[in-house]
């Protein structure tokens, strides 16, 4: 009787470990690219050119990453001009 209970408890523990491992793996495939995209956008709004970084083989959000990278290549020159204008304006005042 107790043998069956121990087997069921062991099965539940193994399922829990598998669930935690799976969730960790899936969230890292999404969080990693999202973190890289946030850093690229922060740099772009400071006027820094984005550093070309590559995502890992199994990462998600690759199409979104490519579009954000293209957008920052357009945004950076605009931000750089705005920063130069503000610096000149500050020097003139």
C-alpha atoms as a PDB file:
ATOM      1  CA  UNK A   1       0.000   0.000   0.000  1.00  0.00           C
ATOM      2  CA  UNK A   2       2.663   2.488   1.050  1.00  0.00           C
ATOM      3  CA  UNK A   3       4.768   1.439  -1.927  1.00  0.00           C
ATOM      4  CA  UNK A   4       2.121   2.814  -4.317  1.00  0.00           C
ATOM      5  CA  UNK A   5       1.970   6.097  -2.364  1.00  0.00           C
ATOM      6  CA  UNK A   6       5.747   6.482  -2.589  1.00  0.00           C
ATOM      7  CA  UNK A   7       5.661   5.848  -6.320  1.00  0.00           C
ATOM      8  CA  UNK A   8       2.918   8.467  -6.780  1.00  0.00           C
ATOM      9  CA  UNK A   9       4.816  11.011  -4.674  1.00  0.00           C
ATOM     10  CA  UNK A  10       7.999  10.363  -6.680  1.00  0.00           C
ATOM     11  CA  UNK A  11       6.059  10.796  -9.934  1.00  0.00           C
ATOM     12  CA  UNK A  12       4.612  14.098  -8.706  1.00  0.00           C
ATOM     13  CA  UNK A  13       8.070  15.365  -7.693  1.00  0.00           C
ATOM     14  CA  UNK A  14       9.490  14.433 -11.096  1.00  0.00           C
ATOM     15  CA  UNK A  15       6.618  16.169 -12.866  1.00  0.00           C
ATOM     16  CA  UNK A  16       7.182  19.291 -10.775  1.00  0.00           C
ATOM     17  CA  UNK A  17      10.912  19.312 -11.597  1.00  0.00           C
ATOM     18  CA  UNK A  18      10.145  18.876 -15.296  1.00  0.00           C
ATOM     19  CA  UNK A  19       7.579  21.681 -15.176  1.00  0.00           C
ATOM     20  CA  UNK A  20       9.991  24.098 -13.492  1.00  0.00           C
ATOM     21  CA  UNK A  21      12.756  23.217 -15.957  1.00  0.00           C
ATOM     22  CA  UNK A  22      10.429  23.687 -18.943  1.00  0.00           C
ATOM     23  CA  UNK A  23       9.151  27.039 -17.702  1.00  0.00           C
ATOM     24  CA  UNK A  24      12.716  28.226 -17.076  1.00  0.00           C
ATOM     25  CA  UNK A  25      13.801  27.215 -20.578  1.00  0.00           C
ATOM     26  CA  UNK A  26      10.821  28.833 -22.304  1.00  0.00           C
ATOM     27  CA  UNK A  27      10.998  32.094 -20.383  1.00  0.00           C
ATOM     28  CA  UNK A  28      14.724  32.444 -21.083  1.00  0.00           C
ATOM     29  CA  UNK A  29      14.073  32.101 -24.809  1.00  0.00           C
ATOM     30  CA  UNK A  30      11.767  35.099 -24.582  1.00  0.00           C
ATOM     31  CA  UNK A  31      13.368  37.177 -21.823  1.00  0.00           C
ATOM     32  CA  UNK A  32      16.858  37.122 -23.358  1.00  0.00           C
ATOM     33  CA  UNK A  33      15.851  38.695 -26.682  1.00  0.00           C
ATOM     34  CA  UNK A  34      13.508  41.121 -24.925  1.00  0.00           C
ATOM     35  CA  UNK A  35      16.365  42.310 -22.692  1.00  0.00           C
ATOM     36  CA  UNK A  36      18.643  42.773 -25.706  1.00  0.00           C
ATOM     37  CA  UNK A  37      15.942  44.772 -27.510  1.00  0.00           C
ATOM     38  CA  UNK A  38      15.410  47.014 -24.478  1.00  0.00           C
ATOM     39  CA  UNK A  39      19.144  47.748 -24.327  1.00  0.00           C
ATOM     40  CA  UNK A  40      19.233  48.505 -28.063  1.00  0.00           C
ATOM     41  CA  UNK A  41      16.315  50.934 -27.709  1.00  0.00           C
ATOM     42  CA  UNK A  42      17.873  52.638 -24.665  1.00  0.00           C
ATOM     43  CA  UNK A  43      21.119  53.150 -26.572  1.00  0.00           C
ATOM     44  CA  UNK A  44      19.232  54.427 -29.624  1.00  0.00           C
ATOM     45  CA  UNK A  45      17.421  57.069 -27.588  1.00  0.00           C
ATOM     46  CA  UNK A  46      20.782  58.193 -26.200  1.00  0.00           C
ATOM     47  CA  UNK A  47      22.044  58.594 -29.764  1.00  0.00           C
ATOM     48  CA  UNK A  48      24.349  55.568 -29.735  1.00  0.00           C
ATOM     49  CA  UNK A  49      24.395  53.272 -32.729  1.00  0.00           C
ATOM     50  CA  UNK A  50      23.047  49.818 -31.942  1.00  0.00           C
ATOM     51  CA  UNK A  51      25.588  47.062 -31.580  1.00  0.00           C
ATOM     52  CA  UNK A  52      24.773  44.208 -33.912  1.00  0.00           C
ATOM     53  CA  UNK A  53      24.104  41.261 -31.659  1.00  0.00           C
ATOM     54  CA  UNK A  54      22.857  37.850 -32.569  1.00  0.00           C
ATOM     55  CA  UNK A  55      20.244  35.848 -30.809  1.00  0.00           C
ATOM     56  CA  UNK A  56      20.776  32.263 -29.832  1.00  0.00           C
ATOM     57  CA  UNK A  57      19.632  29.495 -32.149  1.00  0.00           C
ATOM     58  CA  UNK A  58      16.404  28.643 -30.293  1.00  0.00           C
ATOM     59  CA  UNK A  59      15.458  32.139 -29.122  1.00  0.00           C
ATOM     60  CA  UNK A  60      12.016  33.465 -29.859  1.00  0.00           C
ATOM     61  CA  UNK A  61      11.106  36.959 -31.143  1.00  0.00           C
ATOM     62  CA  UNK A  62      13.685  36.937 -33.969  1.00  0.00           C
ATOM     63  CA  UNK A  63      11.442  38.792 -36.471  1.00  0.00           C
ATOM     64  CA  UNK A  64      10.644  41.459 -33.895  1.00  0.00           C
ATOM     65  CA  UNK A  65      14.334  41.783 -33.037  1.00  0.00           C
ATOM     66  CA  UNK A  66      15.210  42.324 -36.713  1.00  0.00           C
ATOM     67  CA  UNK A  67      12.563  45.036 -37.097  1.00  0.00           C
ATOM     68  CA  UNK A  68      13.633  46.850 -33.934  1.00  0.00           C
ATOM     69  CA  UNK A  69      17.240  46.797 -35.108  1.00  0.00           C
ATOM     70  CA  UNK A  70      16.216  48.305 -38.465  1.00  0.00           C
ATOM     71  CA  UNK A  71      14.141  50.959 -36.708  1.00  0.00           C
ATOM     72  CA  UNK A  72      17.017  51.981 -34.462  1.00  0.00           C
ATOM     73  CA  UNK A  73      19.270  52.418 -37.474  1.00  0.00           C
ATOM     74  CA  UNK A  74      16.770  55.033 -38.673  1.00  0.00           C
ATOM     75  CA  UNK A  75      16.165  56.614 -35.261  1.00  0.00           C
ATOM     76  CA  UNK A  76      19.797  57.075 -34.180  1.00  0.00           C
ATOM     77  CA  UNK A  77      20.740  59.782 -36.734  1.00  0.00           C
ATOM     78  CA  UNK A  78      17.587  61.709 -35.864  1.00  0.00           C
ATOM     79  CA  UNK A  79      18.364  61.533 -32.156  1.00  0.00           C
ATOM     80  CA  UNK A  80      21.983  62.541 -32.771  1.00  0.00           C
ATOM     81  CA  UNK A  81      20.846  65.644 -34.679  1.00  0.00           C
ATOM     82  CA  UNK A  82      18.439  66.536 -31.873  1.00  0.00           C
ATOM     83  CA  UNK A  83      21.189  66.160 -29.265  1.00  0.00           C
ATOM     84  CA  UNK A  84      23.538  68.398 -31.294  1.00  0.00           C
ATOM     85  CA  UNK A  85      20.796  71.018 -31.660  1.00  0.00           C
ATOM     86  CA  UNK A  86      20.152  70.997 -27.930  1.00  0.00           C
ATOM     87  CA  UNK A  87      23.867  71.294 -27.174  1.00  0.00           C
ATOM     88  CA  UNK A  88      24.216  74.279 -29.520  1.00  0.00           C
ATOM     89  CA  UNK A  89      21.142  75.867 -28.008  1.00  0.00           C
ATOM     90  CA  UNK A  90      22.561  75.406 -24.509  1.00  0.00           C
ATOM     91  CA  UNK A  91      25.899  76.931 -25.547  1.00  0.00           C
ATOM     92  CA  UNK A  92      24.195  79.962 -27.092  1.00  0.00           C
ATOM     93  CA  UNK A  93      22.208  80.686 -23.938  1.00  0.00           C
END
